[in-house]
Protein backbone atom coordinates (compact mmCIF):
# COMPACT_ATOMS: atom_id res chain seq x y z
CA MET A 1 0.00 0.00 0.00
CA VAL A 2 2.82 2.42 0.90
CA GLU A 3 4.54 2.03 -2.47
CA GLU A 4 1.39 1.90 -4.58
CA CYS A 5 -0.29 4.92 -2.97
CA GLN A 6 3.04 6.78 -2.59
CA VAL A 7 2.60 7.67 1.07
CA THR A 8 4.85 7.40 4.10
CA LEU A 9 4.57 4.63 6.67
CA GLU A 10 3.22 7.12 9.20
CA ALA A 11 0.50 8.20 6.78
CA ALA A 12 -0.39 4.57 6.11
CA GLU A 13 -1.14 4.15 9.80
CA LEU A 14 -4.01 6.62 9.34
CA THR A 15 -6.02 3.74 7.89
CA THR A 16 -6.13 2.08 11.31
CA ALA A 17 -6.71 5.38 13.14
CA LEU A 18 -9.63 6.43 10.94
CA PHE A 19 -11.17 2.97 11.20
CA LEU A 20 -11.12 3.23 15.00
CA ILE A 21 -12.48 6.79 14.95
CA GLY A 22 -15.35 5.65 12.74
CA PHE A 23 -15.82 2.65 15.00
CA ALA A 24 -16.16 4.89 18.07
CA LEU A 25 -18.60 7.29 16.38
CA GLY A 26 -20.67 4.52 14.83
CA ALA A 27 -21.27 2.84 18.16
CA LEU A 28 -23.27 5.83 19.46
CA PRO A 29 -26.41 5.60 17.26
CA VAL A 30 -26.63 1.86 16.59
CA ALA A 31 -27.35 0.79 20.18
CA PRO A 32 -30.45 3.03 20.57
CA LEU A 33 -31.57 2.09 17.05
CA SER A 34 -31.35 -1.60 17.90
CA GLY A 35 -33.42 -0.96 21.03
CA LYS A 36 -36.20 0.57 18.92
CA PHE A 37 -36.20 -1.41 15.67
CA GLY A 38 -34.58 -4.64 16.83
CA ARG A 39 -31.16 -6.21 16.59
CA GLN A 40 -31.51 -7.96 13.25
CA PRO A 41 -32.39 -4.92 11.05
CA VAL A 42 -29.40 -3.02 12.47
CA TYR A 43 -27.13 -6.01 11.83
CA LEU A 44 -28.33 -6.44 8.25
CA VAL A 45 -28.05 -2.78 7.25
CA THR A 46 -24.67 -2.21 8.86
CA TYR A 47 -23.25 -5.50 7.56
CA VAL A 48 -24.14 -4.53 3.99
CA ALA A 49 -22.67 -1.03 4.34
CA SER A 50 -19.52 -2.11 6.18
CA SER A 51 -18.76 -4.99 3.79
CA ALA A 52 -19.31 -2.71 0.79
CA PHE A 53 -16.89 -0.09 2.12
CA ILE A 54 -14.33 -2.79 2.96
CA ILE A 55 -14.42 -4.00 -0.65
CA GLY A 56 -14.33 -0.35 -1.72
CA THR A 57 -11.09 0.06 0.22
CA GLY A 58 -9.50 -2.71 -1.81
CA GLY A 59 -10.72 -1.17 -5.06
CA SER A 60 -9.72 2.41 -4.22
CA CYS A 61 -7.67 4.27 -6.81
CA THR A 62 -6.50 7.19 -4.65
CA TRP A 63 -5.28 7.61 -1.09
CA ALA A 64 -8.28 9.79 -0.23
CA GLN A 65 -10.64 6.99 -1.29
CA VAL A 66 -8.76 4.52 0.91
CA LEU A 67 -9.09 6.78 3.96
CA ALA A 68 -12.78 7.52 3.34
CA CYS A 69 -13.65 3.85 2.88
CA ARG A 70 -11.72 2.87 5.99
CA PHE A 71 -13.60 5.45 8.08
CA PHE A 72 -17.04 4.36 6.90
CA SER A 73 -16.21 0.66 7.15
CA GLY A 74 -15.40 1.27 10.81
CA PHE A 75 -18.47 3.49 11.31
CA PHE A 76 -20.89 0.84 10.06
CA GLY A 77 -18.88 -2.06 11.43
CA ALA A 78 -19.30 -0.78 14.99
CA ALA A 79 -22.72 -2.44 15.25
CA VAL A 80 -21.09 -5.86 15.46
CA LEU A 81 -19.63 -5.05 18.89
CA ALA A 82 -22.01 -2.34 20.07
CA VAL A 83 -25.18 -4.40 19.51
CA ALA A 84 -23.84 -7.92 20.02
CA GLY A 85 -23.68 -7.37 23.77
CA GLY A 86 -27.40 -6.63 23.72
CA SER A 87 -28.06 -9.79 21.73
CA VAL A 88 -26.17 -11.85 24.31
CA ASN A 89 -28.19 -10.13 27.02
CA ASP A 90 -31.42 -11.00 25.19
CA ILE A 91 -30.59 -14.68 24.80
CA TYR A 92 -29.03 -15.64 28.14
CA ASP A 93 -30.11 -15.18 31.73
CA PRO A 94 -27.76 -13.48 34.26
CA VAL A 95 -26.10 -16.75 35.29
CA GLU A 96 -25.55 -17.98 31.73
CA ARG A 97 -24.07 -14.64 30.70
CA GLY A 98 -21.06 -15.42 32.88
CA TYR A 99 -20.20 -18.12 30.34
CA ALA A 100 -21.40 -16.33 27.21
CA PHE A 101 -19.77 -12.91 27.60
CA PRO A 102 -16.16 -14.15 27.94
CA VAL A 103 -16.58 -16.12 24.72
CA TYR A 104 -18.16 -13.16 22.93
CA ALA A 105 -15.53 -10.70 24.18
CA GLY A 106 -12.63 -13.09 23.62
CA VAL A 107 -13.61 -13.86 20.04
CA SER A 108 -13.94 -10.14 19.29
CA PHE A 109 -10.31 -9.73 20.40
CA MET A 110 -9.09 -12.83 18.59
CA GLY A 111 -10.37 -11.62 15.22
CA PRO A 112 -8.02 -8.61 14.90
CA MET A 113 -5.10 -10.74 16.09
CA ALA A 114 -5.88 -13.58 13.65
CA ALA A 115 -6.06 -11.19 10.69
CA PRO A 116 -2.30 -10.40 10.55
CA VAL A 117 -1.48 -14.13 10.45
CA THR A 118 -3.14 -14.52 7.05
CA GLY A 119 -3.11 -10.87 5.99
CA SER A 120 0.67 -10.53 6.12
CA ALA A 121 1.11 -13.57 3.90
CA ILE A 122 -1.51 -12.28 1.45
CA SER A 123 0.18 -8.88 1.31
CA GLN A 124 3.62 -10.39 0.69
CA PHE A 125 2.75 -13.09 -1.83
CA TRP A 126 -0.38 -11.64 -3.44
CA SER A 127 -1.66 -8.08 -2.98
CA TRP A 128 -2.71 -5.88 -0.07
CA ARG A 129 -6.01 -5.28 -1.87
CA TRP A 130 -7.03 -8.90 -1.45
CA ASN A 131 -7.01 -8.48 2.32
CA TYR A 132 -9.96 -6.15 1.93
CA TYR A 133 -11.63 -8.17 -0.80
CA LEU A 134 -11.56 -11.32 1.33
CA CYS A 135 -12.84 -9.46 4.40
CA GLY A 136 -15.71 -8.05 2.35
CA ILE A 137 -16.55 -11.47 0.92
CA ILE A 138 -16.56 -12.96 4.43
CA GLY A 139 -18.77 -10.07 5.56
CA PHE A 140 -21.38 -10.77 2.89
CA ALA A 141 -21.23 -14.50 3.66
CA MET A 142 -21.89 -13.72 7.32
CA LEU A 143 -24.72 -11.45 6.24
CA MET A 144 -26.45 -14.32 4.44
CA PHE A 145 -25.90 -16.61 7.44
CA LEU A 146 -27.30 -13.97 9.79
CA SER A 147 -30.40 -13.33 7.70
CA ALA A 148 -31.10 -17.05 7.30
CA PHE A 149 -30.35 -18.52 10.73
CA CYS A 150 -30.32 -15.71 13.32
CA PRO A 151 -33.81 -14.47 14.25
CA GLU A 152 -34.70 -11.34 16.16
CA THR A 153 -33.85 -11.52 19.87
CA LEU A 154 -35.24 -8.27 21.36
CA ALA A 155 -38.38 -9.13 23.36
CA ASP A 156 -40.29 -5.92 22.54
CA VAL A 157 -39.79 -6.36 18.79
CA ILE A 158 -40.70 -10.06 18.93
CA LEU A 159 -43.92 -9.17 20.78
CA PHE A 160 -44.70 -6.39 18.28
CA GLU A 161 -44.19 -8.72 15.30
CA LYS A 162 -46.32 -11.38 16.93
CA GLY A 163 -49.08 -8.79 17.47
CA GLU A 164 -48.82 -7.81 13.79
CA ARG A 165 -49.28 -11.43 12.71
CA VAL A 166 -52.26 -11.90 15.01
CA TRP A 167 -53.84 -8.67 13.76
CA ARG A 168 -53.41 -9.61 10.10
CA GLY A 169 -55.03 -12.99 10.68
CA THR A 170 -57.99 -11.64 12.65
CA GLN A 171 -58.91 -8.36 10.96
CA ALA A 172 -62.56 -7.40 11.45
CA GLN A 173 -62.87 -10.34 13.82
CA THR A 174 -62.85 -10.89 17.52
CA VAL A 175 -60.83 -13.28 19.63
CA GLY A 176 -62.56 -14.46 22.77
CA GLY A 177 -65.08 -11.67 22.44
CA LEU A 178 -62.36 -8.99 22.22
CA VAL A 179 -61.56 -6.85 19.20
CA VAL A 180 -57.97 -7.31 18.01
CA ARG A 181 -56.39 -3.93 17.38
CA ARG A 182 -53.28 -3.33 15.33
CA PRO A 183 -50.16 -2.76 17.49
CA HIS A 184 -48.30 0.52 17.12
CA ARG A 185 -44.69 1.41 17.74
CA LYS A 186 -43.99 4.24 20.15
CA SER A 187 -42.77 7.17 18.09
CA VAL A 188 -39.55 8.93 19.06
CA SER A 189 -38.78 12.44 17.87
CA LEU A 190 -35.41 13.38 16.42
CA ASN A 191 -34.72 15.58 19.44
CA ASP A 192 -35.41 12.72 21.86
CA PHE A 193 -33.26 10.38 19.80
CA LEU A 194 -30.30 12.79 19.77
CA HIS A 195 -30.74 13.30 23.52
CA LEU A 196 -30.58 9.54 24.04
CA VAL A 197 -27.61 9.05 21.74
CA VAL A 198 -25.44 11.98 22.78
CA LEU A 199 -26.50 13.60 26.03
CA LYS A 200 -27.42 10.47 27.96
CA ALA A 201 -24.23 8.72 26.91
CA LEU A 202 -22.13 11.72 27.96
CA LYS A 203 -24.01 12.00 31.25
CA LEU A 204 -23.29 8.38 32.09
CA LEU A 205 -19.67 8.79 31.03
CA ILE A 206 -19.13 11.85 33.24
CA PHE A 207 -21.16 11.08 36.37
CA GLU A 208 -21.04 7.29 36.76
CA PRO A 209 -17.79 6.20 38.50
CA VAL A 210 -18.04 2.57 37.35
CA ILE A 211 -18.50 3.60 33.72
CA ILE A 212 -15.65 6.12 33.99
CA TYR A 213 -13.29 3.46 35.34
CA LEU A 214 -14.28 0.80 32.82
CA THR A 215 -14.13 3.28 29.93
CA VAL A 216 -10.62 4.41 30.85
CA LEU A 217 -9.46 0.82 31.34
CA LEU A 218 -10.99 -0.43 28.08
CA GLY A 219 -9.60 2.59 26.26
CA LEU A 220 -6.14 1.73 27.53
CA VAL A 221 -6.57 -1.93 26.60
CA TYR A 222 -7.72 -1.08 23.08
CA PHE A 223 -4.89 1.44 22.75
CA VAL A 224 -2.36 -1.27 23.63
CA PHE A 225 -4.22 -3.90 21.67
CA PHE A 226 -4.30 -2.07 18.36
CA GLY A 227 -0.90 -0.57 19.07
CA CYS A 228 0.44 -4.12 18.83
CA LEU A 229 -0.71 -4.19 15.21
CA GLU A 230 1.74 -1.38 14.49
CA ALA A 231 4.46 -2.21 17.03
CA LEU A 232 5.07 -5.88 16.30
CA PRO A 233 5.95 -5.37 12.61
CA VAL A 234 8.47 -2.68 13.63
CA ILE A 235 10.03 -4.89 16.32
CA TYR A 236 10.22 -8.14 14.39
CA ARG A 237 10.74 -6.87 10.85
CA ASP A 238 12.86 -3.74 11.22
CA ILE A 239 14.88 -4.86 14.26
CA HIS A 240 14.99 -8.65 13.94
CA GLY A 241 14.78 -8.83 10.13
CA LEU A 242 11.87 -11.26 9.77
CA GLU A 243 9.88 -11.58 6.57
CA LEU A 244 6.41 -10.04 6.47
CA TYR A 245 4.61 -13.39 6.64
CA GLN A 246 6.83 -14.39 9.58
CA VAL A 247 5.83 -11.21 11.41
CA GLY A 248 2.22 -12.32 11.05
CA LEU A 249 3.04 -15.55 12.84
CA CYS A 250 4.20 -13.51 15.85
CA PHE A 251 0.54 -12.76 16.58
CA LEU A 252 -0.20 -16.42 17.29
CA PRO A 253 0.91 -16.15 20.95
CA VAL A 254 -1.58 -13.30 21.40
CA LEU A 255 -4.31 -15.60 20.05
CA ALA A 256 -3.23 -18.31 22.45
CA GLY A 257 -3.25 -15.86 25.36
CA THR A 258 -6.77 -14.70 24.51
CA ALA A 259 -7.96 -18.31 24.39
CA LEU A 260 -6.39 -18.92 27.81
CA ALA A 261 -8.13 -15.81 29.14
CA ILE A 262 -11.49 -17.18 27.98
CA LEU A 263 -10.83 -20.52 29.65
CA GLY A 264 -9.49 -18.81 32.77
CA SER A 265 -12.72 -16.86 33.26
CA MET A 266 -14.87 -20.00 33.26
CA PRO A 267 -14.11 -21.06 36.87
CA PHE A 268 -15.30 -17.65 38.07
CA ALA A 269 -18.50 -18.02 36.04
CA TRP A 270 -18.97 -21.52 37.46
CA TYR A 271 -18.53 -20.20 41.02
CA TYR A 272 -21.06 -17.43 40.38
CA ALA A 273 -23.56 -19.95 38.96
CA LYS A 274 -23.02 -22.29 41.92
CA GLU A 275 -23.63 -19.51 44.44
CA ALA A 276 -26.72 -18.32 42.58
CA LYS A 277 -28.09 -21.88 42.44
CA LEU A 278 -27.72 -22.14 46.22
CA GLY A 279 -29.64 -18.87 46.60
CA ARG A 280 -26.72 -16.90 48.02
CA SER A 281 -26.78 -14.15 45.33
CA PRO A 282 -23.08 -13.23 45.01
CA PRO A 283 -22.43 -9.48 44.68
CA PRO A 284 -22.12 -8.05 41.15
CA GLU A 285 -18.54 -7.02 41.96
CA SER A 286 -17.56 -10.69 41.90
CA ARG A 287 -17.79 -10.47 38.11
CA LEU A 288 -14.80 -8.09 38.17
CA ILE A 289 -12.31 -10.59 39.62
CA PRO A 290 -11.00 -11.72 36.16
CA LEU A 291 -10.76 -8.05 35.18
CA ILE A 292 -8.64 -7.28 38.26
CA ILE A 293 -6.31 -10.19 37.48
CA GLY A 294 -6.03 -9.12 33.84
CA GLY A 295 -5.31 -5.53 34.87
CA MET A 296 -2.32 -6.71 36.91
CA VAL A 297 -1.01 -9.07 34.24
CA LEU A 298 -1.26 -6.54 31.38
CA PRO A 299 1.65 -4.23 32.37
CA VAL A 300 3.81 -7.22 33.22
CA SER A 301 3.22 -8.73 29.78
CA LEU A 302 3.94 -5.40 28.07
CA PHE A 303 7.23 -4.91 29.90
CA SER A 304 8.41 -8.48 29.34
CA GLY A 305 6.94 -9.18 25.92
CA LEU A 306 7.26 -5.87 24.07
CA GLY A 307 9.95 -4.23 26.15
CA ARG A 308 13.13 -5.70 27.54
CA TRP A 309 13.09 -9.12 25.83
CA THR A 310 12.17 -8.38 22.22
CA CYS A 311 13.10 -4.82 21.26
CA PHE A 312 16.85 -5.38 21.10
CA LYS A 313 19.01 -7.84 19.28
């Protein structure tokens, strides 16, 4: 990409930065929209748009087109993470979520770390454009799978659709002596929607200590996480002289560590489920124990893995 678009390496890193900026901005409206219209419509619309812009990135002819497509692919792709948590919440009860959320969160971290393993080889032996083409093709394949096998999960929307079906089948009739009336969605004005999307989110971010702490921590984790995408190629290619496809293989330990983190959280979920089954209702803070352990391990891993042991020959 650097040679073909005639940009510097620092400018090329804007593709990741703009993707993340679009990702952050896109997460604001999709969660309220999914709460009103349902999870599935938001998934379908954003999957189409995000996959199209990803393919557009691969087919871009100018550097400006690359940056624009990367921003909008992140903007529409944010629904996958921003709404998926709500889908998990719809499907599982509070005890089962202790098992479901680590898998959901772990897989969302494993995806970006698995991409360099194949993407570096594709870039070296084929073309950087095919990284985006393949991602777009996978996105459209997932779109077809989602539309065919993943039904709506939001209870309010399911109830509304059921009421619509009952109304269509019993128009001008009565059921049990009662007239069946057509259900109506509660209308939301643009002003109320903007208040929900922007002002309420900012209010929670400023005045809720738990949200402030988790936001700062997750921001740091994502900063380090995506920083690895830029740091590891510099360390292993420029300093240690590895080939590009070999640099991609250096992300495999990160994948293994994420898988271990998923497995390591299961005993805590099992303990929570056991206590809840016995009627002892463990405090919600007990869910944070894996987070506390991970917070202590993270700086140690950064110092040992990316610092003293690997940055020098």
